[in-house]
Amino acid sequence: MDITSRSVFMVGGTSGIGLELAHRFQAAGSTVVVGGRRTEVLAQLSDEGLDAVEIDVTDPASVIRARDEALRLHPDLDTVVTMSGTGAPEDLRDPSHFAAAQIIVDVNLLGTIRVIDAFTPHLIGRRGGTFITVSSGIGFLPFPVMPTYAASKAAVHAYSEALRAQLDGTGVEVAELVPPAVATRIGSSNPHALALDAFGAEVMDLLGQNPTPHEILVQAVLMHRWAERDGTYHELVAQRSQALAMLPDRAQG
């Protein structure tokens, strides 16, 4: 895609990867609307010259209000990024984990679907545009400490594949961003996490390709994406399972 002339709605862009990419799209020459729940950050972004819209992807009415406001600001909006996400460790031996699981699925999967549903008629009506969904390397190579996060991101991958097939012929493309561990709030505890600025630069280079790749895969995520193909899957999952010792009461078995 031509990253210098897009009109982008970055849903979940008030921190982390979303904010990094919002700034990079703006620097490349695109117009950007940032959506999020943190009103104080949205106000700050408005002062920096970015349009900002409040949105809670777990609230259908909020999603519709945000869509209407984003299209009021930019009727030519052509790119929607479903960046909102959350994750947490879960001990599946403790049924109380279910409350966290519900939140993760509601934000990561259902939130993605809500945003896509809200903007699909607009993008089809203009006969062109791009959805950028956000899955994760963990969706292809699970991190057993975060089981529902992994499941939700695997679901986003499958949904993205189906969405691309269903929108074929409409002029609307679907690109799936597959981050590895990145030095943000979710990935900050990983000593191997990729620096945010390095990740952002590599992502923008990939997005700038023509045609836009179906999957945006930085080098650091390839070991996750292709683990099954390369025959390393079971070994890597076993290695990652060692982190289960960090859960309460697991160190003693």
Protein backbone atom coordinates (compact mmCIF):
# COMPACT_ATOMS: atom_id res chain seq x y z
CA MET A 1 0.00 0.00 0.00
CA ASP A 2 1.02 3.60 -0.40
CA ILE A 3 1.62 4.56 3.25
CA THR A 4 2.09 8.22 2.30
CA SER A 5 -1.51 8.96 1.36
CA ARG A 6 -3.79 6.83 3.51
CA SER A 7 -6.58 7.91 5.83
CA VAL A 8 -6.18 5.63 8.85
CA PHE A 9 -8.32 4.84 11.89
CA MET A 10 -5.96 3.29 14.46
CA VAL A 11 -8.29 1.60 16.95
CA GLY A 12 -6.37 0.98 20.16
CA GLY A 13 -3.73 3.55 19.31
CA THR A 14 -3.20 5.30 22.64
CA SER A 15 -0.16 3.23 23.63
CA GLY A 16 2.30 0.58 22.53
CA ILE A 17 2.33 -0.71 18.97
CA GLY A 18 -0.79 1.22 18.00
CA LEU A 19 0.64 4.58 19.03
CA GLU A 20 3.98 3.79 17.38
CA LEU A 21 2.31 2.98 14.07
CA ALA A 22 -0.03 5.97 14.31
CA HIS A 23 2.98 8.29 14.56
CA ARG A 24 4.73 6.48 11.71
CA PHE A 25 1.71 6.71 9.39
CA GLN A 26 1.46 10.40 10.21
CA ALA A 27 5.18 10.96 9.59
CA ALA A 28 4.88 9.18 6.23
CA GLY A 29 2.20 11.66 5.13
CA SER A 30 -1.02 9.82 5.93
CA THR A 31 -3.85 11.30 8.00
CA VAL A 32 -4.55 9.42 11.22
CA VAL A 33 -7.45 9.15 13.64
CA VAL A 34 -6.47 7.47 16.91
CA GLY A 35 -9.15 5.62 18.84
CA GLY A 36 -8.96 4.49 22.44
CA ARG A 37 -10.44 4.61 25.92
CA ARG A 38 -7.83 6.79 27.67
CA THR A 39 -9.33 10.24 27.34
CA GLU A 40 -6.30 12.04 28.79
CA VAL A 41 -4.05 10.47 26.15
CA LEU A 42 -6.56 11.27 23.41
CA ALA A 43 -6.49 14.92 24.47
CA GLN A 44 -2.69 14.92 24.35
CA LEU A 45 -2.69 13.36 20.88
CA SER A 46 -5.11 16.04 19.68
CA ASP A 47 -2.60 18.64 20.84
CA GLU A 48 0.03 16.85 18.72
CA GLY A 49 -2.08 17.19 15.58
CA LEU A 50 -3.66 13.75 15.52
CA ASP A 51 -7.43 13.40 15.40
CA ALA A 52 -8.65 11.41 18.38
CA VAL A 53 -11.88 9.51 19.02
CA GLU A 54 -13.01 7.72 22.17
CA ILE A 55 -13.87 4.06 21.62
CA ASP A 56 -14.42 1.01 23.81
CA VAL A 57 -14.36 -2.06 21.57
CA THR A 58 -16.29 -4.10 24.16
CA ASP A 59 -19.27 -1.71 23.84
CA PRO A 60 -21.18 -2.01 20.54
CA ALA A 61 -22.72 1.46 20.92
CA SER A 62 -19.30 3.00 21.53
CA VAL A 63 -17.96 1.35 18.37
CA ILE A 64 -20.79 2.79 16.27
CA ARG A 65 -20.34 6.27 17.77
CA ALA A 66 -16.61 6.12 17.08
CA ARG A 67 -17.19 4.98 13.51
CA ASP A 68 -19.57 7.85 12.87
CA GLU A 69 -17.16 10.38 14.36
CA ALA A 70 -14.16 8.99 12.45
CA LEU A 71 -16.10 9.18 9.18
CA ARG A 72 -17.32 12.68 10.02
CA LEU A 73 -13.71 13.77 10.45
CA HIS A 74 -12.49 11.84 7.40
CA PRO A 75 -15.22 10.76 4.97
CA ASP A 76 -12.47 9.32 2.75
CA LEU A 77 -11.21 6.96 5.49
CA ASP A 78 -9.67 3.96 3.75
CA THR A 79 -7.66 2.03 6.37
CA VAL A 80 -8.89 0.54 9.65
CA VAL A 81 -6.42 -1.04 12.09
CA THR A 82 -7.92 -3.25 14.82
CA MET A 83 -5.12 -2.81 17.34
CA SER A 84 -7.01 -3.06 20.67
CA GLY A 85 -5.75 -5.97 22.73
CA THR A 86 -5.20 -7.26 26.23
CA GLY A 87 -3.67 -10.30 27.86
CA ALA A 88 -2.87 -11.78 31.26
CA PRO A 89 -1.34 -14.90 32.81
CA GLU A 90 -3.89 -17.56 33.72
CA ASP A 91 -3.70 -20.67 35.88
CA LEU A 92 -6.08 -23.13 34.23
CA ARG A 93 -6.12 -25.24 37.39
CA ASP A 94 -7.96 -22.38 39.09
CA PRO A 95 -11.50 -21.85 37.73
CA SER A 96 -11.36 -18.21 38.77
CA HIS A 97 -9.25 -17.55 35.66
CA PHE A 98 -12.49 -17.50 33.65
CA ALA A 99 -13.17 -13.84 34.44
CA ALA A 100 -9.87 -12.85 32.83
CA ALA A 101 -10.55 -15.15 29.88
CA GLN A 102 -13.88 -13.45 29.20
CA ILE A 103 -12.26 -10.02 29.09
CA ILE A 104 -9.48 -11.18 26.78
CA VAL A 105 -11.88 -12.75 24.29
CA ASP A 106 -14.21 -9.76 24.43
CA VAL A 107 -11.42 -7.30 23.63
CA ASN A 108 -9.15 -9.29 21.32
CA LEU A 109 -11.62 -11.28 19.26
CA LEU A 110 -15.09 -9.80 19.64
CA GLY A 111 -13.66 -6.28 19.68
CA THR A 112 -11.96 -6.98 16.37
CA ILE A 113 -15.20 -8.30 14.90
CA ARG A 114 -17.22 -5.33 16.15
CA VAL A 115 -14.87 -2.83 14.54
CA ILE A 116 -14.72 -4.74 11.25
CA ASP A 117 -18.50 -5.06 11.11
CA ALA A 118 -18.87 -1.33 11.73
CA PHE A 119 -16.60 -0.31 8.85
CA THR A 120 -17.21 -3.04 6.27
CA PRO A 121 -20.16 -1.28 4.57
CA HIS A 122 -18.14 1.95 4.28
CA LEU A 123 -15.07 0.31 2.73
CA ILE A 124 -17.15 -1.80 0.35
CA GLY A 125 -19.17 1.28 -0.59
CA ARG A 126 -16.03 3.20 -1.56
CA ARG A 127 -14.84 0.14 -3.55
CA GLY A 128 -11.49 0.01 -1.86
CA GLY A 129 -9.61 0.13 1.40
CA THR A 130 -7.72 -1.99 3.88
CA PHE A 131 -8.41 -3.75 7.14
CA ILE A 132 -5.29 -4.44 9.19
CA THR A 133 -6.04 -7.01 11.88
CA VAL A 134 -3.58 -7.80 14.65
CA SER A 135 -2.92 -11.36 15.75
CA SER A 136 0.33 -12.49 17.44
CA GLY A 137 3.21 -14.89 17.15
CA ILE A 138 1.67 -16.49 20.26
CA GLY A 139 -1.33 -17.39 18.11
CA PHE A 140 0.92 -19.72 16.11
CA LEU A 141 3.30 -20.85 18.87
CA PRO A 142 1.41 -20.80 22.19
CA PHE A 143 2.88 -19.40 25.38
CA PRO A 144 1.17 -21.68 27.93
CA VAL A 145 1.19 -19.02 30.66
CA MET A 146 -1.24 -16.93 28.55
CA PRO A 147 -3.64 -19.54 27.10
CA THR A 148 -6.67 -17.39 26.32
CA TYR A 149 -4.53 -14.65 24.80
CA ALA A 150 -3.02 -17.26 22.48
CA ALA A 151 -6.44 -18.68 21.63
CA SER A 152 -7.91 -15.25 20.92
CA LYS A 153 -5.05 -14.35 18.60
CA ALA A 154 -5.27 -17.69 16.78
CA ALA A 155 -8.95 -16.90 16.29
CA VAL A 156 -8.10 -13.45 14.88
CA HIS A 157 -5.82 -15.17 12.35
CA ALA A 158 -8.59 -17.55 11.24
CA TYR A 159 -11.11 -14.70 11.11
CA SER A 160 -8.73 -12.61 9.01
CA GLU A 161 -8.33 -15.44 6.51
CA ALA A 162 -12.09 -15.83 6.22
CA LEU A 163 -12.63 -12.07 5.97
CA ARG A 164 -10.12 -11.82 3.14
CA ALA A 165 -11.88 -14.59 1.23
CA GLN A 166 -15.32 -13.05 1.73
CA LEU A 167 -14.18 -9.56 0.67
CA ASP A 168 -12.43 -10.83 -2.44
CA GLY A 169 -13.62 -8.82 -5.43
CA THR A 170 -14.84 -5.83 -3.40
CA GLY A 171 -11.58 -3.88 -3.59
CA VAL A 172 -11.09 -4.21 0.19
CA GLU A 173 -7.89 -5.95 1.22
CA VAL A 174 -7.07 -7.62 4.53
CA ALA A 175 -3.57 -7.58 6.00
CA GLU A 176 -2.79 -9.39 9.25
CA LEU A 177 -0.08 -7.94 11.47
CA VAL A 178 1.63 -10.72 13.46
CA PRO A 179 3.80 -9.17 16.20
CA PRO A 180 6.40 -11.11 18.17
CA ALA A 181 7.14 -10.05 21.74
CA VAL A 182 7.60 -6.28 21.55
CA ALA A 183 8.76 -4.03 24.38
CA THR A 184 5.30 -2.74 25.31
CA ARG A 185 3.18 -3.27 28.43
CA ILE A 186 2.26 -6.84 27.42
CA GLY A 187 5.75 -7.83 26.26
CA SER A 188 7.88 -5.82 28.67
CA SER A 189 8.74 -8.81 30.91
CA ASN A 190 10.32 -10.70 28.00
CA PRO A 191 14.08 -10.05 27.85
CA HIS A 192 14.02 -10.96 24.16
CA ALA A 193 11.28 -8.47 23.28
CA LEU A 194 11.91 -6.47 20.13
CA ALA A 195 12.46 -2.74 20.60
CA LEU A 196 9.30 -0.83 19.74
CA ASP A 197 10.96 1.57 17.29
CA ALA A 198 12.71 -1.25 15.43
CA PHE A 199 9.44 -3.15 15.18
CA GLY A 200 7.59 -0.07 13.92
CA ALA A 201 10.18 0.64 11.23
CA GLU A 202 10.12 -2.94 9.95
CA VAL A 203 6.32 -3.06 9.93
CA MET A 204 6.04 0.14 7.89
CA ASP A 205 8.56 -1.18 5.36
CA LEU A 206 6.43 -4.32 4.94
CA LEU A 207 3.16 -2.40 4.74
CA GLY A 208 4.70 -0.20 2.04
CA GLN A 209 5.15 -3.16 -0.30
CA ASN A 210 2.92 -3.48 -3.35
CA PRO A 211 0.85 -5.59 -3.21
CA THR A 212 0.37 -5.41 0.54
CA PRO A 213 1.39 -8.77 2.07
CA HIS A 214 -1.44 -10.84 3.47
CA GLU A 215 0.64 -11.31 6.63
CA ILE A 216 2.97 -8.66 8.02
CA LEU A 217 5.80 -10.78 9.42
CA VAL A 218 8.87 -9.11 10.87
CA GLN A 219 12.00 -11.25 11.06
CA ALA A 220 11.64 -11.85 14.81
CA VAL A 221 8.25 -13.55 14.43
CA LEU A 222 9.21 -16.03 11.69
CA MET A 223 10.28 -18.71 14.19
CA HIS A 224 6.78 -18.54 15.70
CA ARG A 225 4.86 -18.39 12.43
CA TRP A 226 6.63 -21.32 10.81
CA ALA A 227 7.39 -23.53 13.83
CA GLU A 228 5.05 -26.33 12.72
CA ARG A 229 6.36 -26.24 9.15
CA ASP A 230 9.96 -26.25 10.34
CA GLY A 231 9.49 -29.10 12.81
CA THR A 232 10.41 -27.00 15.86
CA TYR A 233 6.92 -26.57 17.29
CA HIS A 234 6.89 -29.20 20.05
CA GLU A 235 10.40 -28.37 21.24
CA LEU A 236 9.62 -24.67 21.42
CA VAL A 237 6.30 -25.18 23.23
CA ALA A 238 8.13 -27.37 25.77
CA GLN A 239 10.70 -24.63 26.29
CA ARG A 240 8.00 -22.00 26.71
CA SER A 241 6.14 -24.26 29.16
CA GLN A 242 8.98 -23.83 31.63
CA ALA A 243 7.54 -20.37 32.32
CA LEU A 244 4.57 -22.05 34.03
CA ALA A 245 6.76 -22.10 37.14
CA MET A 246 6.03 -18.38 37.47
CA LEU A 247 2.39 -19.09 38.31
CA PRO A 248 1.49 -19.13 42.02
CA ASP A 249 2.01 -22.52 43.70
CA ARG A 250 3.65 -24.01 40.59
CA ALA A 251 7.28 -23.76 41.74
CA GLN A 252 6.64 -26.60 44.18
CA GLY A 253 4.65 -28.58 41.60
